[in-house]
Protein backbone atom coordinates (compact mmCIF):
# COMPACT_ATOMS: atom_id res chain seq x y z
CA MET A 1 96.04 117.67 94.64
CA PRO A 2 93.03 118.14 92.43
CA VAL A 3 93.29 115.93 89.07
CA LEU A 4 91.48 117.41 85.91
CA ASP A 5 89.75 115.02 84.32
CA THR A 6 89.02 115.17 80.44
CA SER A 7 85.67 116.63 80.57
CA LEU A 8 86.94 119.80 82.63
CA ILE A 9 89.76 120.34 80.15
CA ILE A 10 87.37 120.08 77.33
CA ASP A 11 85.22 122.40 78.88
CA LEU A 12 88.07 124.75 79.78
CA ILE A 13 89.13 124.58 75.88
CA ARG A 14 85.31 125.43 75.02
CA HIS A 15 85.43 128.21 77.63
CA LYS A 16 82.62 126.96 79.35
CA PRO A 17 81.77 129.30 82.33
CA ASP A 18 81.06 126.51 84.94
CA ALA A 19 84.65 125.22 83.92
CA LEU A 20 86.47 128.30 84.39
CA ARG A 21 84.66 128.85 87.68
CA VAL A 22 85.76 125.55 89.12
CA LEU A 23 89.17 126.13 88.00
CA GLU A 24 89.35 129.63 89.48
CA ALA A 25 88.09 128.26 92.82
CA ILE A 26 90.87 125.53 92.96
CA GLU A 27 93.36 128.18 92.33
CA LYS A 28 91.95 130.47 95.02
CA GLU A 29 92.23 127.60 97.46
CA GLY A 30 95.72 127.76 96.74
CA LEU A 31 96.12 124.22 95.26
CA ASN A 32 98.07 123.20 92.18
CA SER A 33 96.42 121.33 89.50
CA ALA A 34 97.15 118.09 88.00
CA THR A 35 96.05 115.81 85.07
CA THR A 36 97.01 112.50 84.21
CA SER A 37 98.56 110.93 80.96
CA ILE A 38 95.65 108.78 80.12
CA THR A 39 93.63 112.33 79.95
CA ILE A 40 96.06 113.77 77.79
CA LEU A 41 95.97 110.86 75.65
CA GLU A 42 92.17 111.18 75.36
CA LEU A 43 92.45 115.24 74.84
CA TYR A 44 94.92 114.20 71.86
CA ARG A 45 92.54 111.80 70.28
CA GLY A 46 89.78 114.12 70.44
CA ALA A 47 91.70 117.05 68.95
CA TYR A 48 92.59 114.71 65.71
CA LEU A 49 89.40 113.61 65.28
CA SER A 50 87.93 117.36 65.64
CA ALA A 51 87.21 119.66 62.72
CA SER A 52 89.98 121.92 64.05
CA PRO A 53 93.02 119.55 65.12
CA GLU A 54 95.62 122.53 64.93
CA LYS A 55 93.71 124.86 67.12
CA ASN A 56 92.53 122.12 69.44
CA LEU A 57 96.20 121.15 69.91
CA ARG A 58 97.52 124.50 70.64
CA GLU A 59 94.67 124.78 73.34
CA ILE A 60 95.49 121.39 74.98
CA GLU A 61 99.12 122.08 74.81
CA ALA A 62 98.46 125.69 76.46
CA ILE A 63 96.27 124.24 79.29
CA THR A 64 98.46 121.11 80.03
CA GLU A 65 101.64 122.80 80.36
CA HIS A 66 100.53 124.39 83.50
CA LEU A 67 99.49 121.16 85.16
CA VAL A 68 101.32 118.62 86.99
CA LYS A 69 101.44 115.00 85.21
CA GLU A 70 100.41 112.39 87.10
CA ASN A 71 101.89 109.11 85.49
CA ILE A 72 101.06 105.26 85.66
CA ASN A 73 103.37 103.90 88.63
CA ASP A 74 103.92 100.80 90.45
CA GLU A 75 101.22 101.47 92.65
CA THR A 76 99.05 102.23 89.98
CA TYR A 77 98.81 98.67 88.82
CA SER A 78 97.47 97.14 91.88
CA ILE A 79 94.85 100.00 92.49
CA PHE A 80 93.62 99.52 88.85
CA GLY A 81 93.45 95.80 88.91
CA ALA A 82 91.35 95.97 92.25
CA LEU A 83 89.22 98.74 91.49
CA SER A 84 88.78 97.65 87.80
CA ALA A 85 87.64 94.00 89.14
CA ARG A 86 85.47 95.33 92.05
CA LEU A 87 83.78 97.60 89.81
CA ARG A 88 82.72 94.55 87.14
CA GLU A 89 81.91 92.07 89.72
CA GLU A 90 79.42 95.04 91.07
CA GLY A 91 78.31 95.43 87.34
CA LYS A 92 79.13 99.05 87.54
CA PRO A 93 82.51 99.31 85.22
CA VAL A 94 82.88 102.81 83.87
CA GLY A 95 85.47 102.20 81.16
CA ASP A 96 89.30 101.34 81.18
CA PHE A 97 90.52 104.59 80.53
CA ASP A 98 88.18 106.27 83.50
CA GLU A 99 89.28 103.68 85.74
CA LEU A 100 92.92 104.13 85.14
CA ILE A 101 92.36 107.77 85.36
CA ALA A 102 90.68 107.08 88.83
CA ALA A 103 93.43 104.55 89.78
CA ILE A 104 96.19 107.36 89.14
CA ALA A 105 94.23 109.86 91.35
CA LEU A 106 93.65 107.36 94.26
CA GLY A 107 97.32 106.62 94.04
CA SER A 108 98.17 110.28 94.41
CA ASP A 109 95.88 110.87 97.19
CA GLY A 110 94.22 113.36 95.13
CA GLU A 111 90.40 114.27 94.02
CA ILE A 112 89.21 114.24 90.54
CA VAL A 113 87.61 117.33 89.29
CA THR A 114 84.92 116.42 86.58
CA ARG A 115 81.36 116.76 85.37
CA ASP A 116 80.86 113.23 84.92
CA HIS A 117 78.76 111.29 87.29
CA HIS A 118 80.12 107.96 87.01
CA PHE A 119 83.31 108.63 88.86
CA GLU A 120 81.04 108.91 92.14
CA GLY A 121 80.74 105.31 92.22
CA ILE A 122 84.49 104.72 92.80
CA PRO A 123 85.39 103.92 96.24
CA GLY A 124 87.56 106.13 98.08
CA LEU A 125 87.60 108.81 95.25
CA LYS A 126 86.84 112.25 96.33
CA VAL A 127 85.29 113.88 93.41
CA ARG A 128 84.57 117.71 92.68
CA ARG A 129 81.85 118.10 90.20
CA TYR A 130 80.91 121.31 88.44
């Protein structure tokens, strides 16, 4: 199940054509889309920091209400710990939130849908870029 990253949802809120196309392609494949609880936290932080918090909160809720929410579970702890340690040892950390989003996606055998390049360096993670 494709896991929509923060960058994609922000671009959907902004009605960016590339983001709309990738979501349409996922729907044409007959796949359900998901996001993570961490992504939703990032979106809410961004909304409250924006010039139009109420408008952005409505947009976030309208988009995320139709998505499966992948949460942290027991498997996530181990995946995150091993992944984060490996990336740091290799000198390639991508940040705690994105490492946690990746760990949740890896635990759900999903792929991440993003415009961010740094997810491509995460071992075992299928990345759908747009």
